[in-house]
């Protein structure tokens, strides 16, 4: 058995040490779960900031802390665990929703409970607008990728096995999900396309990216990150379509009801991914030999 076969479960990091793979394979199931998680992130973020009237600022702080907690669990894990990984994706989607709203929308107290402003919960929006907010987020994402490139770490998700590479990966995920939220809100609220039109436009762009995967000259890593950003506005427009009033083109299912249904779907997908990972690990274990 060759070494390439032995290292299907264990990879060699750039410093020569062996590291366990902690990120999933990018398959169709991966993208289905990504869209489900980002749609839930949109409805759950709105549930806390708008329905529960915590406001954008406080909700952003709370959800960012939740992201940090879930990220620590993921980083401390020794191997890929679908529950850990997708919980971080969900937390970045929820935090990205309210971070985007806080950056782009005006300083309104519309979603604050009575007397909340006297508690020092901060402004409810910086009012930068979608173009300025997107420019800031794109610049930040480019800066992360430049820093990533300078470290010499791989951009390929299946080959990330070091702590530094994974930390850079999750930084890019958080910013890309926030950027994707801004794009989705712009498409559904300001572009005139509406929720369904925005979702169809993004779906069409994703179909183009899928076709480009067959073009050898186009790097798949670049396509992955573009698709990762674009699936966020797809989730944002889908979430708005589920929760917004019928008069605005939505289904008016509410943030609580939509979030509960989406959470059940995502948990089911996590359970399926966990079962598949256990089967794959057992199958690989039959062929692995001990490494000295």
Foldseek 3Di string as FASTA:
>chain_A
DDVVLQCPQWDADPVGHIAGQAFDDDDPLNLVLLLLLLLLLQLVLCCVCAVVLQALQVSLVVLVVVLVVLVVVSLPDRYHALVSVSSNSNSLSNNLQSVLQQEAQDQDSNSHDPPVVVVVSDTRHPNPHLVSSLVVLVVVLVVLVVVVVVVVADLDSRNDGDSVSVVSVSVNSSSLLNSLLSLLCCCQPPPPLHLVRQLVVLVVVLVVLVVCVPPVVDDVSVSVSVNSSSSNSNSNSLSCQDCPDVVRNHPNVHSVNVSVVSVVVSVVSSVVVNVVVVVVVVVSVVVHDDDD
